[in-house]
Protein backbone atom coordinates (compact mmCIF):
# COMPACT_ATOMS: atom_id res chain seq x y z
CA MET A 1 17.29 10.69 68.76
CA MET A 2 17.29 12.89 65.66
CA LEU A 3 13.78 13.93 64.71
CA LEU A 4 12.89 13.50 61.05
CA PHE A 5 9.96 15.94 61.34
CA PRO A 6 11.09 18.48 63.98
CA ASN A 7 8.67 21.17 62.80
CA THR A 8 5.58 18.96 62.84
CA LEU A 9 4.58 19.06 66.49
CA ILE A 10 1.84 16.61 67.43
CA HIS A 11 -0.48 17.18 70.38
CA LEU A 12 -2.15 14.06 71.73
CA LYS A 13 -5.17 14.41 73.99
CA GLY A 14 -5.23 11.33 76.23
CA ALA A 15 -2.63 8.59 76.58
CA GLY A 16 -4.23 5.39 77.72
CA ASP A 17 -2.99 2.18 76.14
CA LEU A 18 -4.38 3.03 72.68
CA GLY A 19 -3.18 6.63 72.76
CA THR A 20 0.21 5.38 73.91
CA GLY A 21 0.45 3.12 70.86
CA VAL A 22 -0.15 6.22 68.74
CA ALA A 23 2.40 8.36 70.60
CA TRP A 24 4.97 5.56 70.54
CA ARG A 25 4.73 5.05 66.78
CA LEU A 26 4.83 8.78 66.01
CA HIS A 27 7.80 9.35 68.31
CA ARG A 28 9.76 6.46 66.80
CA ALA A 29 8.95 7.76 63.30
CA GLY A 30 10.61 11.08 64.17
CA PHE A 31 7.79 13.39 65.27
CA PRO A 32 7.86 15.55 68.42
CA VAL A 33 4.86 14.63 70.58
CA ILE A 34 3.27 16.31 73.59
CA ILE A 35 0.49 14.74 75.66
CA THR A 36 -2.21 16.38 77.75
CA GLU A 37 -4.09 14.45 80.40
CA LEU A 38 -6.57 14.71 83.24
CA ALA A 39 -5.39 15.17 86.83
CA GLN A 40 -6.48 11.58 87.59
CA PRO A 41 -6.60 9.61 84.34
CA MET A 42 -8.72 6.44 84.54
CA VAL A 43 -6.17 4.26 82.83
CA VAL A 44 -6.46 0.48 83.24
CA ARG A 45 -3.42 -0.82 81.37
CA ARG A 46 -1.10 1.38 83.43
CA THR A 47 2.13 -0.43 82.55
CA VAL A 48 1.78 0.48 78.86
CA ALA A 49 0.16 3.91 79.19
CA PHE A 50 2.07 7.19 79.06
CA ALA A 51 -0.77 8.62 81.17
CA SER A 52 0.85 6.83 84.11
CA ALA A 53 3.47 9.59 84.16
CA VAL A 54 0.81 11.73 85.87
CA TYR A 55 1.06 9.42 88.91
CA ASP A 56 4.62 8.10 88.66
CA ASP A 57 6.43 11.15 87.20
CA ALA A 58 7.86 9.04 84.36
CA ILE A 59 7.23 5.81 82.48
CA THR A 60 9.16 4.01 79.76
CA VAL A 61 7.22 1.83 77.33
CA GLU A 62 9.26 -0.30 74.94
CA GLY A 63 12.21 2.07 75.00
CA VAL A 64 10.27 5.34 74.76
CA THR A 65 10.05 7.57 77.84
CA ALA A 66 7.29 9.99 78.80
CA ARG A 67 7.70 12.30 81.79
CA ARG A 68 5.32 14.56 83.65
CA ALA A 69 5.94 18.22 82.81
CA GLU A 70 5.13 20.83 85.44
CA SER A 71 4.91 23.75 83.01
CA PHE A 72 4.94 24.57 79.31
CA ASP A 73 8.61 25.57 79.61
CA ASP A 74 9.35 22.21 81.26
CA ALA A 75 7.55 20.48 78.41
CA GLN A 76 9.70 22.31 75.85
CA HIS A 77 12.83 21.24 77.74
CA LEU A 78 11.73 17.60 77.70
CA LEU A 79 10.94 17.76 73.98
CA ALA A 80 14.44 19.08 73.31
CA HIS A 81 15.86 16.00 75.06
CA GLY A 82 13.79 13.45 73.16
CA ILE A 83 11.33 12.81 75.99
CA ILE A 84 7.57 12.94 75.55
CA PRO A 85 6.12 15.51 77.99
CA VAL A 86 2.85 14.73 79.76
CA LEU A 87 0.99 17.82 80.97
CA VAL A 88 -1.93 17.77 83.39
CA ASP A 89 -4.12 20.04 81.30
CA PRO A 90 -7.85 19.17 81.35
CA ALA A 91 -8.71 22.41 79.53
CA THR A 92 -6.14 21.70 76.79
CA LEU A 93 -4.50 25.11 77.22
CA ALA A 94 -1.31 23.64 75.75
CA ARG A 95 -2.91 23.79 72.31
CA GLU A 96 -2.96 27.59 72.41
CA PHE A 97 0.61 27.77 73.71
CA PHE A 98 2.28 25.22 71.42
CA LYS A 99 0.06 25.66 68.33
CA PRO A 100 0.64 22.09 67.10
CA GLN A 101 0.47 21.16 63.44
CA VAL A 102 -1.47 18.00 64.31
CA LEU A 103 -3.96 17.38 67.12
CA ILE A 104 -5.13 13.85 67.92
CA ASP A 105 -8.13 13.17 70.12
CA ALA A 106 -7.34 9.88 71.87
CA VAL A 107 -9.70 10.41 74.81
CA MET A 108 -11.68 7.31 73.77
CA ALA A 109 -14.90 8.67 75.26
CA LYS A 110 -16.99 7.24 72.37
CA ARG A 111 -18.14 10.84 71.82
CA ASN A 112 -16.59 14.19 71.08
CA THR A 113 -15.75 15.94 74.36
CA GLY A 114 -14.77 19.24 72.79
CA THR A 115 -12.40 18.77 69.85
CA LEU A 116 -12.91 21.13 66.90
CA ILE A 117 -11.76 20.80 63.31
CA ASP A 118 -10.04 24.19 63.62
CA ASP A 119 -7.91 23.12 66.62
CA ALA A 120 -4.97 22.40 64.29
CA PRO A 121 -4.19 22.20 60.57
CA LEU A 122 -4.77 18.44 60.87
CA VAL A 123 -7.16 17.02 63.44
CA ILE A 124 -7.45 13.24 63.85
CA ALA A 125 -9.85 11.40 66.15
CA LEU A 126 -9.82 7.82 67.36
CA GLY A 127 -13.00 5.77 67.23
CA PRO A 128 -16.71 6.59 67.20
CA GLY A 129 -18.27 9.95 68.05
CA PHE A 130 -16.57 12.05 65.34
CA ILE A 131 -17.56 13.08 61.83
CA PRO A 132 -14.81 13.78 59.27
CA ARG A 133 -15.00 17.27 57.73
CA VAL A 134 -17.27 18.35 60.59
CA ASP A 135 -15.31 18.09 63.85
CA CYS A 136 -12.08 16.52 62.54
CA HIS A 137 -10.30 15.80 59.26
CA ALA A 138 -9.86 12.05 59.69
CA VAL A 139 -11.05 9.26 61.96
CA ILE A 140 -9.16 6.07 62.78
CA GLU A 141 -11.20 2.88 63.10
CA THR A 142 -10.74 1.35 66.55
CA ASN A 143 -13.18 -1.56 66.36
CA ARG A 144 -11.49 -4.94 66.13
CA GLY A 145 -12.00 -6.64 62.79
CA HIS A 146 -11.24 -6.12 59.14
CA ASN A 147 -11.15 -2.30 59.33
CA LEU A 148 -9.09 -1.87 62.50
CA GLY A 149 -6.58 0.94 62.00
CA ARG A 150 -8.03 2.20 58.72
CA VAL A 151 -7.93 5.94 58.05
CA LEU A 152 -11.42 7.29 57.35
CA TRP A 153 -11.50 10.64 55.56
CA ASP A 154 -15.15 10.50 54.49
CA ARG A 155 -17.09 8.55 57.10
CA SER A 156 -17.30 7.94 60.84
CA ALA A 157 -15.95 4.92 62.68
CA GLU A 158 -18.16 1.93 63.39
CA PRO A 159 -20.55 2.47 66.35
CA ASN A 160 -19.46 1.34 69.79
CA THR A 161 -20.70 -2.22 70.32
CA GLY A 162 -20.38 -2.07 74.10
CA THR A 163 -18.80 -5.53 73.99
CA PRO A 164 -15.08 -5.98 74.66
CA GLY A 165 -13.12 -7.72 71.93
CA GLU A 166 -12.48 -11.43 72.28
CA ILE A 167 -9.15 -12.43 73.80
CA GLY A 168 -8.41 -16.08 74.44
CA GLY A 169 -12.07 -16.96 74.04
CA LYS A 170 -13.19 -14.43 76.69
CA MET A 171 -15.14 -11.23 76.07
CA ARG A 172 -17.29 -9.45 78.69
CA GLU A 173 -16.07 -11.68 81.49
CA ARG A 174 -12.45 -10.54 81.17
CA VAL A 175 -13.36 -6.97 82.18
CA LEU A 176 -13.34 -6.18 85.89
CA ARG A 177 -15.93 -3.63 87.02
CA ALA A 178 -16.34 -1.74 90.25
CA PRO A 179 -18.92 -3.43 92.51
CA ALA A 180 -19.59 -0.15 94.34
CA GLU A 181 -18.67 3.51 94.45
CA GLY A 182 -15.47 4.31 96.29
CA ALA A 183 -11.67 4.10 96.23
CA VAL A 184 -9.98 1.18 94.50
CA ILE A 185 -7.50 -0.76 96.63
CA GLY A 186 -5.47 -3.24 94.63
CA LYS A 187 -4.64 -6.64 96.07
CA LYS A 188 -2.71 -7.92 93.05
CA ALA A 189 -0.09 -6.34 90.81
CA ILE A 190 -0.33 -6.09 87.04
CA GLY A 191 1.49 -9.08 85.58
CA GLU A 192 0.58 -11.44 88.43
CA GLN A 193 -1.08 -14.78 87.81
CA VAL A 194 -4.58 -15.07 89.26
CA THR A 195 -6.92 -18.01 89.76
CA ARG A 196 -10.69 -18.04 89.55
CA GLY A 197 -12.24 -16.69 92.75
CA GLU A 198 -9.06 -14.95 93.91
CA ILE A 199 -9.35 -11.40 95.28
CA ILE A 200 -7.89 -8.83 92.88
CA ALA A 201 -9.07 -5.58 94.43
CA GLU A 202 -11.47 -4.02 96.89
CA VAL A 203 -13.84 -1.08 96.43
CA ASN A 204 -15.58 0.37 99.49
CA GLY A 205 -15.38 -2.95 101.31
CA GLN A 206 -16.66 -5.00 98.36
CA LEU A 207 -14.38 -7.48 96.65
CA VAL A 208 -13.39 -7.71 93.00
CA ILE A 209 -12.88 -11.38 92.17
CA ALA A 210 -10.96 -13.05 89.33
CA PRO A 211 -13.57 -14.47 86.93
CA PHE A 212 -11.23 -17.19 85.61
CA ASP A 213 -7.60 -18.31 85.68
CA GLY A 214 -5.27 -15.93 83.87
CA ILE A 215 -3.03 -12.95 84.41
CA LEU A 216 -3.89 -9.46 85.64
CA ARG A 217 -3.34 -7.33 82.53
CA GLY A 218 -4.62 -4.06 83.91
CA LEU A 219 -5.88 -2.35 87.06
CA VAL A 220 -6.53 1.33 87.76
CA HIS A 221 -4.20 3.24 90.05
CA ASP A 222 -4.64 2.69 93.80
CA GLY A 223 -6.88 5.24 95.46
CA ILE A 224 -8.82 6.24 92.34
CA ILE A 225 -12.46 7.01 93.15
CA VAL A 226 -14.81 5.12 90.85
CA ARG A 227 -18.52 4.70 90.31
CA ALA A 228 -20.27 1.36 90.51
CA GLY A 229 -20.05 -0.48 87.21
CA MET A 230 -16.98 1.35 85.89
CA LYS A 231 -14.25 -0.67 84.22
CA ILE A 232 -11.33 -0.91 86.63
CA GLY A 233 -9.34 -3.92 85.44
CA ASP A 234 -8.69 -6.60 82.86
CA VAL A 235 -7.80 -10.29 83.19
CA ASP A 236 -6.10 -11.99 80.24
CA PRO A 237 -6.78 -15.73 79.87
CA ARG A 238 -3.67 -16.20 77.70
CA ALA A 239 -1.58 -15.68 80.86
CA GLN A 240 1.48 -14.39 79.00
CA ARG A 241 3.20 -11.92 81.30
CA GLU A 242 5.01 -10.04 78.51
CA HIS A 243 1.63 -8.96 77.11
CA CYS A 244 1.15 -6.85 80.25
CA PHE A 245 4.25 -4.78 79.52
CA THR A 246 4.19 -4.40 75.73
CA ILE A 247 1.92 -2.40 73.43
CA SER A 248 -1.04 -4.41 72.14
CA ASP A 249 -1.66 -5.37 68.53
CA LYS A 250 -4.74 -3.14 68.56
CA ALA A 251 -2.83 -0.09 69.80
CA LEU A 252 -0.10 -0.64 67.20
CA ALA A 253 -2.67 -0.96 64.40
CA ILE A 254 -4.34 2.29 65.45
CA GLY A 255 -0.94 3.97 65.79
CA GLY A 256 -0.09 2.84 62.27
CA GLY A 257 -3.32 4.37 60.97
CA VAL A 258 -2.52 7.70 62.63
CA LEU A 259 1.01 7.66 61.21
CA GLU A 260 -0.40 7.00 57.73
CA ALA A 261 -2.85 9.90 58.07
CA VAL A 262 -0.13 12.31 59.22
CA LEU A 263 2.25 11.33 56.41
CA MET A 264 -0.53 11.58 53.82
CA TRP A 265 -1.32 15.08 55.05
CA ILE A 266 2.35 16.11 54.93
CA ASN A 267 2.67 14.73 51.41
CA ARG A 268 -0.47 16.52 50.23
CA THR A 269 0.65 19.77 51.84
CA ARG A 270 4.10 19.63 50.26
CA THR A 271 2.68 18.67 46.86
CA SER A 272 0.25 21.58 47.00
CA THR A 273 3.07 23.96 47.97
CA ASP A 274 5.30 22.71 45.15
CA GLU A 275 2.51 23.14 42.62
CA ARG A 276 1.86 26.72 43.74
CA GLY A 277 5.60 27.43 43.69
């Protein structure tokens, strides 16, 4: 695929389902994108997360492929072939090597875990925990509601509510949490129908039970070590299997906000250059 913006390299920190929506939209709009991830990303919606390339070597989400890169040179090779490279790079050393024009913090930690406004000419952060003009240039609203996906240049995102968004009339109860500390062993596959009381997974001998009838929309990778109370899965009461394998409306809205912010920045930069010229 011909890139419309080959010289505007975008570095995305974190590629869970929301970060993947961002990477997907930017890639399809013609931007080269590289992703850095943890060695064991805690991604729940694995079937629509480019972070899954860390475990599975490669993943294709709605026609866009991301592949694990073993080195910076490997990442450059993948970029040249229209593939999004995913680097295991907890220290974000790739930023110094690639010197991206845009850096996006999609870690979704609800706090800033180390991103600086000087990390790139344009720094964008997703969700709460960031202050525009202090530790980034723009924030994208991630809270469901009227402002979802808005680009915020002068204020922070809405505070984390701690309550999952409503889907099919279910909120907190649709989230599966670890009943104990230990390794997760899945008993159901993402996309499978589940009934209330059915065993979905096991953690250190304790069972994770389906809270209602629906479909398993997400579950962390087998063998991941978790702490008690951590989110490890998601049941969708709408029970539409295709939702498990396509990017969510929320991720697309956030991706659209990021794309808007990047294009606004490019337009402002070019306008400023033309005026000086």
